[in-house]
Amino acid sequence: TVHILASLDDIAWLFQLRGKDIPYNPVFFS
């Protein structure tokens, strides 16, 4: 009934967003 995500690359892919919180990896804390 619920899915929890903490992996930043999976979250970025799922919501079609990118960030600059980690060098070399365009992901964001979430």
PDB file of all heavy atoms in Angstrom:
ATOM      1  N   THR A   1       0.814  -1.214   0.000  1.00  0.00           N
ATOM      2  CA  THR A   1       0.000   0.000   0.000  1.00  0.00           C
ATOM      3  C   THR A   1       0.849   1.266   0.000  1.00  0.00           C
ATOM      4  O   THR A   1       0.355   2.345  -0.321  1.00  0.00           O
ATOM      5  CB  THR A   1      -0.916   0.012   1.233  1.00  0.00           C
ATOM      6  OG1 THR A   1      -0.112  -0.143   2.423  1.00  0.00           O
ATOM      7  CG2 THR A   1      -1.930  -1.121   1.158  1.00  0.00           C
ATOM      8  N   VAL A   2       2.127   1.121   0.381  1.00  0.00           N
ATOM      9  CA  VAL A   2       3.034   2.270   0.458  1.00  0.00           C
ATOM     10  C   VAL A   2       4.403   1.854  -0.068  1.00  0.00           C
ATOM     11  O   VAL A   2       4.845   0.721   0.157  1.00  0.00           O
ATOM     12  CB  VAL A   2       3.166   2.783   1.908  1.00  0.00           C
ATOM     13  CG1 VAL A   2       4.249   3.854   2.015  1.00  0.00           C
ATOM     14  CG2 VAL A   2       1.846   3.326   2.414  1.00  0.00           C
ATOM     15  N   HIS A   3       5.060   2.775  -0.753  1.00  0.00           N
ATOM     16  CA  HIS A   3       6.435   2.563  -1.209  1.00  0.00           C
ATOM     17  C   HIS A   3       7.276   3.725  -0.713  1.00  0.00           C
ATOM     18  O   HIS A   3       6.942   4.888  -0.946  1.00  0.00           O
ATOM     19  CB  HIS A   3       6.461   2.486  -2.733  1.00  0.00           C
ATOM     20  CG  HIS A   3       7.825   2.364  -3.342  1.00  0.00           C
ATOM     21  ND1 HIS A   3       8.862   1.664  -2.761  1.00  0.00           N
ATOM     22  CD2 HIS A   3       8.335   2.867  -4.519  1.00  0.00           C
ATOM     23  CE1 HIS A   3       9.931   1.730  -3.535  1.00  0.00           C
ATOM     24  NE2 HIS A   3       9.644   2.456  -4.586  1.00  0.00           N
ATOM     25  N   ILE A   4       8.360   3.424   0.009  1.00  0.00           N
ATOM     26  CA  ILE A   4       9.257   4.455   0.538  1.00  0.00           C
ATOM     27  C   ILE A   4      10.567   4.424  -0.233  1.00  0.00           C
ATOM     28  O   ILE A   4      11.175   3.373  -0.415  1.00  0.00           O
ATOM     29  CB  ILE A   4       9.547   4.229   2.037  1.00  0.00           C
ATOM     30  CG1 ILE A   4       8.256   4.253   2.851  1.00  0.00           C
ATOM     31  CG2 ILE A   4      10.517   5.290   2.549  1.00  0.00           C
ATOM     32  CD1 ILE A   4       7.533   5.577   2.848  1.00  0.00           C
ATOM     33  N   LEU A   5      11.005   5.599  -0.668  1.00  0.00           N
ATOM     34  CA  LEU A   5      12.264   5.738  -1.414  1.00  0.00           C
ATOM     35  C   LEU A   5      13.225   6.647  -0.668  1.00  0.00           C
ATOM     36  O   LEU A   5      12.843   7.751  -0.243  1.00  0.00           O
ATOM     37  CB  LEU A   5      11.997   6.343  -2.796  1.00  0.00           C
ATOM     38  CG  LEU A   5      11.645   5.419  -3.962  1.00  0.00           C
ATOM     39  CD1 LEU A   5      11.343   6.264  -5.194  1.00  0.00           C
ATOM     40  CD2 LEU A   5      12.773   4.449  -4.249  1.00  0.00           C
ATOM     41  N   ALA A   6      14.467   6.207  -0.523  1.00  0.00           N
ATOM     42  CA  ALA A   6      15.513   7.052   0.040  1.00  0.00           C
ATOM     43  C   ALA A   6      16.709   7.166  -0.899  1.00  0.00           C
ATOM     44  O   ALA A   6      17.630   7.933  -0.635  1.00  0.00           O
ATOM     45  CB  ALA A   6      15.960   6.511   1.387  1.00  0.00           C
ATOM     46  N   SER A   7      16.732   6.383  -1.986  1.00  0.00           N
ATOM     47  CA  SER A   7      17.833   6.418  -2.952  1.00  0.00           C
ATOM     48  C   SER A   7      17.653   7.620  -3.872  1.00  0.00           C
ATOM     49  O   SER A   7      16.662   7.733  -4.599  1.00  0.00           O
ATOM     50  CB  SER A   7      17.881   5.118  -3.755  1.00  0.00           C
ATOM     51  OG  SER A   7      16.579   4.736  -4.173  1.00  0.00           O
ATOM     52  N   LEU A   8      18.612   8.528  -3.842  1.00  0.00           N
ATOM     53  CA  LEU A   8      18.453   9.825  -4.492  1.00  0.00           C
ATOM     54  C   LEU A   8      18.334   9.727  -6.004  1.00  0.00           C
ATOM     55  O   LEU A   8      17.600  10.499  -6.628  1.00  0.00           O
ATOM     56  CB  LEU A   8      19.622  10.739  -4.118  1.00  0.00           C
ATOM     57  CG  LEU A   8      19.841  10.967  -2.614  1.00  0.00           C
ATOM     58  CD1 LEU A   8      20.923  12.015  -2.393  1.00  0.00           C
ATOM     59  CD2 LEU A   8      18.549  11.356  -1.913  1.00  0.00           C
ATOM     60  N   ASP A   9      19.061   8.781  -6.631  1.00  0.00           N
ATOM     61  CA  ASP A   9      18.976   8.663  -8.088  1.00  0.00           C
ATOM     62  C   ASP A   9      17.607   8.126  -8.515  1.00  0.00           C
ATOM     63  O   ASP A   9      17.060   8.538  -9.546  1.00  0.00           O
ATOM     64  CB  ASP A   9      20.101   7.795  -8.636  1.00  0.00           C
ATOM     65  CG  ASP A   9      20.181   6.430  -7.980  1.00  0.00           C
ATOM     66  OD1 ASP A   9      19.770   6.287  -6.807  1.00  0.00           O
ATOM     67  OD2 ASP A   9      20.669   5.485  -8.622  1.00  0.00           O
ATOM     68  N   ASP A  10      17.040   7.216  -7.717  1.00  0.00           N
ATOM     69  CA  ASP A  10      15.711   6.698  -8.031  1.00  0.00           C
ATOM     70  C   ASP A  10      14.659   7.804  -7.932  1.00  0.00           C
ATOM     71  O   ASP A  10      13.744   7.896  -8.755  1.00  0.00           O
ATOM     72  CB  ASP A  10      15.341   5.550  -7.084  1.00  0.00           C
ATOM     73  CG  ASP A  10      16.165   4.296  -7.326  1.00  0.00           C
ATOM     74  OD1 ASP A  10      16.637   4.114  -8.464  1.00  0.00           O
ATOM     75  OD2 ASP A  10      16.341   3.513  -6.386  1.00  0.00           O
ATOM     76  N   ILE A  11      14.793   8.647  -6.910  1.00  0.00           N
ATOM     77  CA  ILE A  11      13.847   9.752  -6.727  1.00  0.00           C
ATOM     78  C   ILE A  11      13.962  10.750  -7.874  1.00  0.00           C
ATOM     79  O   ILE A  11      12.960  11.200  -8.437  1.00  0.00           O
ATOM     80  CB  ILE A  11      14.093  10.443  -5.373  1.00  0.00           C
ATOM     81  CG1 ILE A  11      13.764   9.482  -4.227  1.00  0.00           C
ATOM     82  CG2 ILE A  11      13.266  11.721  -5.255  1.00  0.00           C
ATOM     83  CD1 ILE A  11      14.172   9.987  -2.853  1.00  0.00           C
ATOM     84  N   ALA A  12      15.194  11.093  -8.234  1.00  0.00           N
ATOM     85  CA  ALA A  12      15.398  12.040  -9.339  1.00  0.00           C
ATOM     86  C   ALA A  12      14.792  11.508 -10.630  1.00  0.00           C
ATOM     87  O   ALA A  12      14.145  12.249 -11.381  1.00  0.00           O
ATOM     88  CB  ALA A  12      16.893  12.303  -9.523  1.00  0.00           C
ATOM     89  N   TRP A  13      15.001  10.209 -10.900  1.00  0.00           N
ATOM     90  CA  TRP A  13      14.437   9.607 -12.117  1.00  0.00           C
ATOM     91  C   TRP A  13      12.921   9.626 -12.078  1.00  0.00           C
ATOM     92  O   TRP A  13      12.274  10.001 -13.060  1.00  0.00           O
ATOM     93  CB  TRP A  13      14.937   8.163 -12.249  1.00  0.00           C
ATOM     94  CG  TRP A  13      14.278   7.426 -13.379  1.00  0.00           C
ATOM     95  CD1 TRP A  13      14.653   7.434 -14.701  1.00  0.00           C
ATOM     96  CD2 TRP A  13      13.116   6.594 -13.305  1.00  0.00           C
ATOM     97  NE1 TRP A  13      13.791   6.665 -15.440  1.00  0.00           N
ATOM     98  CE2 TRP A  13      12.842   6.135 -14.620  1.00  0.00           C
ATOM     99  CE3 TRP A  13      12.275   6.197 -12.264  1.00  0.00           C
ATOM    100  CZ2 TRP A  13      11.759   5.299 -14.902  1.00  0.00           C
ATOM    101  CZ3 TRP A  13      11.207   5.374 -12.547  1.00  0.00           C
ATOM    102  CH2 TRP A  13      10.953   4.924 -13.860  1.00  0.00           C
ATOM    103  N   LEU A  14      12.333   9.238 -10.944  1.00  0.00           N
ATOM    104  CA  LEU A  14      10.885   9.096 -10.845  1.00  0.00           C
ATOM    105  C   LEU A  14      10.163  10.415 -11.080  1.00  0.00           C
ATOM    106  O   LEU A  14       9.148  10.467 -11.781  1.00  0.00           O
ATOM    107  CB  LEU A  14      10.518   8.533  -9.474  1.00  0.00           C
ATOM    108  CG  LEU A  14       9.038   8.255  -9.204  1.00  0.00           C
ATOM    109  CD1 LEU A  14       8.478   7.254 -10.200  1.00  0.00           C
ATOM    110  CD2 LEU A  14       8.850   7.762  -7.772  1.00  0.00           C
ATOM    111  N   PHE A  15      10.694  11.503 -10.537  1.00  0.00           N
ATOM    112  CA  PHE A  15      10.014  12.790 -10.623  1.00  0.00           C
ATOM    113  C   PHE A  15      10.580  13.706 -11.705  1.00  0.00           C
ATOM    114  O   PHE A  15      10.186  14.865 -11.816  1.00  0.00           O
ATOM    115  CB  PHE A  15      10.046  13.487  -9.262  1.00  0.00           C
ATOM    116  CG  PHE A  15       9.307  12.733  -8.193  1.00  0.00           C
ATOM    117  CD1 PHE A  15       9.987  12.068  -7.188  1.00  0.00           C
ATOM    118  CD2 PHE A  15       7.928  12.653  -8.213  1.00  0.00           C
ATOM    119  CE1 PHE A  15       9.315  11.352  -6.203  1.00  0.00           C
ATOM    120  CE2 PHE A  15       7.232  11.938  -7.242  1.00  0.00           C
ATOM    121  CZ  PHE A  15       7.921  11.288  -6.245  1.00  0.00           C
ATOM    122  N   GLN A  16      11.519  13.184 -12.497  1.00  0.00           N
ATOM    123  CA  GLN A  16      12.108  13.930 -13.616  1.00  0.00           C
ATOM    124  C   GLN A  16      12.719  15.259 -13.178  1.00  0.00           C
ATOM    125  O   GLN A  16      12.558  16.300 -13.828  1.00  0.00           O
ATOM    126  CB  GLN A  16      11.085  14.138 -14.732  1.00  0.00           C
ATOM    127  CG  GLN A  16      10.667  12.839 -15.380  1.00  0.00           C
ATOM    128  CD  GLN A  16       9.848  13.003 -16.645  1.00  0.00           C
ATOM    129  OE1 GLN A  16       9.562  12.018 -17.292  1.00  0.00           O
ATOM    130  NE2 GLN A  16       9.465  14.213 -17.005  1.00  0.00           N
ATOM    131  N   LEU A  17      13.426  15.180 -12.043  1.00  0.00           N
ATOM    132  CA  LEU A  17      14.088  16.346 -11.485  1.00  0.00           C
ATOM    133  C   LEU A  17      15.567  16.036 -11.292  1.00  0.00           C
ATOM    134  O   LEU A  17      15.960  14.884 -11.168  1.00  0.00           O
ATOM    135  CB  LEU A  17      13.478  16.720 -10.134  1.00  0.00           C
ATOM    136  CG  LEU A  17      11.991  17.075 -10.128  1.00  0.00           C
ATOM    137  CD1 LEU A  17      11.500  17.245  -8.687  1.00  0.00           C
ATOM    138  CD2 LEU A  17      11.725  18.339 -10.929  1.00  0.00           C
ATOM    139  N   ARG A  18      16.377  17.066 -11.266  1.00  0.00           N
ATOM    140  CA  ARG A  18      17.798  16.913 -10.998  1.00  0.00           C
ATOM    141  C   ARG A  18      18.240  18.013 -10.036  1.00  0.00           C
ATOM    142  O   ARG A  18      17.528  19.002  -9.831  1.00  0.00           O
ATOM    143  CB  ARG A  18      18.623  16.997 -12.299  1.00  0.00           C
ATOM    144  CG  ARG A  18      18.272  15.928 -13.335  1.00  0.00           C
ATOM    145  CD  ARG A  18      18.606  14.532 -12.867  1.00  0.00           C
ATOM    146  NE  ARG A  18      18.416  13.532 -13.911  1.00  0.00           N
ATOM    147  CZ  ARG A  18      17.297  12.828 -14.076  1.00  0.00           C
ATOM    148  NH1 ARG A  18      16.251  13.037 -13.291  1.00  0.00           N
ATOM    149  NH2 ARG A  18      17.211  11.921 -15.042  1.00  0.00           N
ATOM    150  N   GLY A  19      19.401  17.827  -9.416  1.00  0.00           N
ATOM    151  CA  GLY A  19      19.902  18.807  -8.461  1.00  0.00           C
ATOM    152  C   GLY A  19      21.411  18.878  -8.454  1.00  0.00           C
ATOM    153  O   GLY A  19      22.080  18.256  -9.282  1.00  0.00           O
ATOM    154  N   LYS A  20      21.963  19.613  -7.477  1.00  0.00           N
ATOM    155  CA  LYS A  20      23.413  19.807  -7.399  1.00  0.00           C
ATOM    156  C   LYS A  20      23.914  19.672  -5.968  1.00  0.00           C
ATOM    157  O   LYS A  20      24.862  20.334  -5.567  1.00  0.00           O
ATOM    158  CB  LYS A  20      23.787  21.191  -7.952  1.00  0.00           C
ATOM    159  CG  LYS A  20      23.509  21.369  -9.441  1.00  0.00           C
ATOM    160  CD  LYS A  20      23.988  22.720  -9.936  1.00  0.00           C
ATOM    161  CE  LYS A  20      23.755  22.881 -11.426  1.00  0.00           C
ATOM    162  NZ  LYS A  20      24.231  24.202 -11.932  1.00  0.00           N
ATOM    163  N   ASP A  21      23.281  18.768  -5.208  1.00  0.00           N
ATOM    164  CA  ASP A  21      23.661  18.634  -3.801  1.00  0.00           C
ATOM    165  C   ASP A  21      24.879  17.751  -3.585  1.00  0.00           C
ATOM    166  O   ASP A  21      25.510  17.817  -2.528  1.00  0.00           O
ATOM    167  CB  ASP A  21      22.487  18.071  -2.996  1.00  0.00           C
ATOM    168  CG  ASP A  21      21.396  19.117  -2.759  1.00  0.00           C
ATOM    169  OD1 ASP A  21      21.684  20.311  -2.930  1.00  0.00           O
ATOM    170  OD2 ASP A  21      20.262  18.732  -2.420  1.00  0.00           O
ATOM    171  N   ILE A  22      25.204  16.897  -4.540  1.00  0.00           N
ATOM    172  CA  ILE A  22      26.334  15.981  -4.409  1.00  0.00           C
ATOM    173  C   ILE A  22      27.246  16.134  -5.627  1.00  0.00           C
ATOM    174  O   ILE A  22      26.771  16.024  -6.759  1.00  0.00           O
ATOM    175  CB  ILE A  22      25.856  14.522  -4.277  1.00  0.00           C
ATOM    176  CG1 ILE A  22      25.005  14.366  -3.006  1.00  0.00           C
ATOM    177  CG2 ILE A  22      27.033  13.556  -4.253  1.00  0.00           C
ATOM    178  CD1 ILE A  22      24.430  12.988  -2.816  1.00  0.00           C
ATOM    179  N   PRO A  23      28.525  16.412  -5.434  1.00  0.00           N
ATOM    180  CA  PRO A  23      29.430  16.595  -6.574  1.00  0.00           C
ATOM    181  C   PRO A  23      29.389  15.402  -7.527  1.00  0.00           C
ATOM    182  O   PRO A  23      29.356  14.244  -7.088  1.00  0.00           O
ATOM    183  CB  PRO A  23      30.804  16.730  -5.913  1.00  0.00           C
ATOM    184  CG  PRO A  23      30.512  17.221  -4.537  1.00  0.00           C
ATOM    185  CD  PRO A  23      29.213  16.581  -4.148  1.00  0.00           C
ATOM    186  N   TYR A  24      29.367  15.702  -8.800  1.00  0.00           N
ATOM    187  CA  TYR A  24      29.424  14.732  -9.902  1.00  0.00           C
ATOM    188  C   TYR A  24      28.099  13.996 -10.145  1.00  0.00           C
ATOM    189  O   TYR A  24      27.942  13.368 -11.186  1.00  0.00           O
ATOM    190  CB  TYR A  24      30.533  13.687  -9.692  1.00  0.00           C
ATOM    191  CG  TYR A  24      31.875  14.252  -9.320  1.00  0.00           C
ATOM    192  CD1 TYR A  24      32.558  13.816  -8.201  1.00  0.00           C
ATOM    193  CD2 TYR A  24      32.468  15.245 -10.106  1.00  0.00           C
ATOM    194  CE1 TYR A  24      33.802  14.334  -7.857  1.00  0.00           C
ATOM    195  CE2 TYR A  24      33.712  15.776  -9.772  1.00  0.00           C
ATOM    196  CZ  TYR A  24      34.377  15.316  -8.645  1.00  0.00           C
ATOM    197  OH  TYR A  24      35.605  15.835  -8.319  1.00  0.00           O
ATOM    198  N   ASN A  25      27.183  14.044  -9.198  1.00  0.00           N
ATOM    199  CA  ASN A  25      25.905  13.329  -9.343  1.00  0.00           C
ATOM    200  C   ASN A  25      24.759  14.335  -9.255  1.00  0.00           C
ATOM    201  O   ASN A  25      24.538  14.909  -8.176  1.00  0.00           O
ATOM    202  CB  ASN A  25      25.749  12.275  -8.245  1.00  0.00           C
ATOM    203  CG  ASN A  25      26.868  11.263  -8.272  1.00  0.00           C
ATOM    204  OD1 ASN A  25      26.956  10.437  -9.165  1.00  0.00           O
ATOM    205  ND2 ASN A  25      27.758  11.335  -7.287  1.00  0.00           N
ATOM    206  N   PRO A  26      24.023  14.565 -10.329  1.00  0.00           N
ATOM    207  CA  PRO A  26      22.984  15.604 -10.321  1.00  0.00           C
ATOM    208  C   PRO A  26      21.713  15.174  -9.595  1.00  0.00           C
ATOM    209  O   PRO A  26      20.639  15.069 -10.173  1.00  0.00           O
ATOM    210  CB  PRO A  26      22.727  15.862 -11.809  1.00  0.00           C
ATOM    211  CG  PRO A  26      23.115  14.595 -12.486  1.00  0.00           C
ATOM    212  CD  PRO A  26      24.208  13.989 -11.664  1.00  0.00           C
ATOM    213  N   VAL A  27      21.859  14.903  -8.300  1.00  0.00           N
ATOM    214  CA  VAL A  27      20.734  14.500  -7.467  1.00  0.00           C
ATOM    215  C   VAL A  27      20.550  15.530  -6.360  1.00  0.00           C
ATOM    216  O   VAL A  27      21.338  16.465  -6.222  1.00  0.00           O
ATOM    217  CB  VAL A  27      20.959  13.097  -6.866  1.00  0.00           C
ATOM    218  CG1 VAL A  27      21.019  12.046  -7.969  1.00  0.00           C
ATOM    219  CG2 VAL A  27      22.238  13.058  -6.023  1.00  0.00           C
ATOM    220  N   PHE A  28      19.508  15.358  -5.549  1.00  0.00           N
ATOM    221  CA  PHE A  28      19.209  16.311  -4.491  1.00  0.00           C
ATOM    222  C   PHE A  28      18.750  15.539  -3.255  1.00  0.00           C
ATOM    223  O   PHE A  28      18.148  14.478  -3.357  1.00  0.00           O
ATOM    224  CB  PHE A  28      18.137  17.305  -4.937  1.00  0.00           C
ATOM    225  CG  PHE A  28      16.904  16.667  -5.511  1.00  0.00           C
ATOM    226  CD1 PHE A  28      15.776  16.436  -4.728  1.00  0.00           C
ATOM    227  CD2 PHE A  28      16.876  16.275  -6.854  1.00  0.00           C
ATOM    228  CE1 PHE A  28      14.648  15.829  -5.266  1.00  0.00           C
ATOM    229  CE2 PHE A  28      15.742  15.672  -7.399  1.00  0.00           C
ATOM    230  CZ  PHE A  28      14.630  15.444  -6.597  1.00  0.00           C
ATOM    231  N   PHE A  29      19.033  16.090  -2.070  1.00  0.00           N
ATOM    232  CA  PHE A  29      18.643  15.434  -0.822  1.00  0.00           C
ATOM    233  C   PHE A  29      17.123  15.349  -0.748  1.00  0.00           C
ATOM    234  O   PHE A  29      16.437  16.373  -0.845  1.00  0.00           O
ATOM    235  CB  PHE A  29      19.189  16.199   0.384  1.00  0.00           C
ATOM    236  CG  PHE A  29      20.692  16.212   0.456  1.00  0.00           C
ATOM    237  CD1 PHE A  29      21.393  17.402   0.540  1.00  0.00           C
ATOM    238  CD2 PHE A  29      21.409  15.023   0.435  1.00  0.00           C
ATOM    239  CE1 PHE A  29      22.777  17.415   0.607  1.00  0.00           C
ATOM    240  CE2 PHE A  29      22.799  15.022   0.500  1.00  0.00           C
ATOM    241  CZ  PHE A  29      23.482  16.229   0.580  1.00  0.00           C
ATOM    242  N   SER A  30      16.627  14.145  -0.551  1.00  0.00           N
ATOM    243  CA  SER A  30      15.178  13.968  -0.602  1.00  0.00           C
ATOM    244  C   SER A  30      14.781  12.577  -0.122  1.00  0.00           C
ATOM    245  O   SER A  30      15.618  11.679   0.010  1.00  0.00           O
ATOM    246  CB  SER A  30      14.675  14.167  -2.041  1.00  0.00           C
ATOM    247  OG  SER A  30      15.359  13.298  -2.938  1.00  0.00           O
TER     248      SER A  30
END
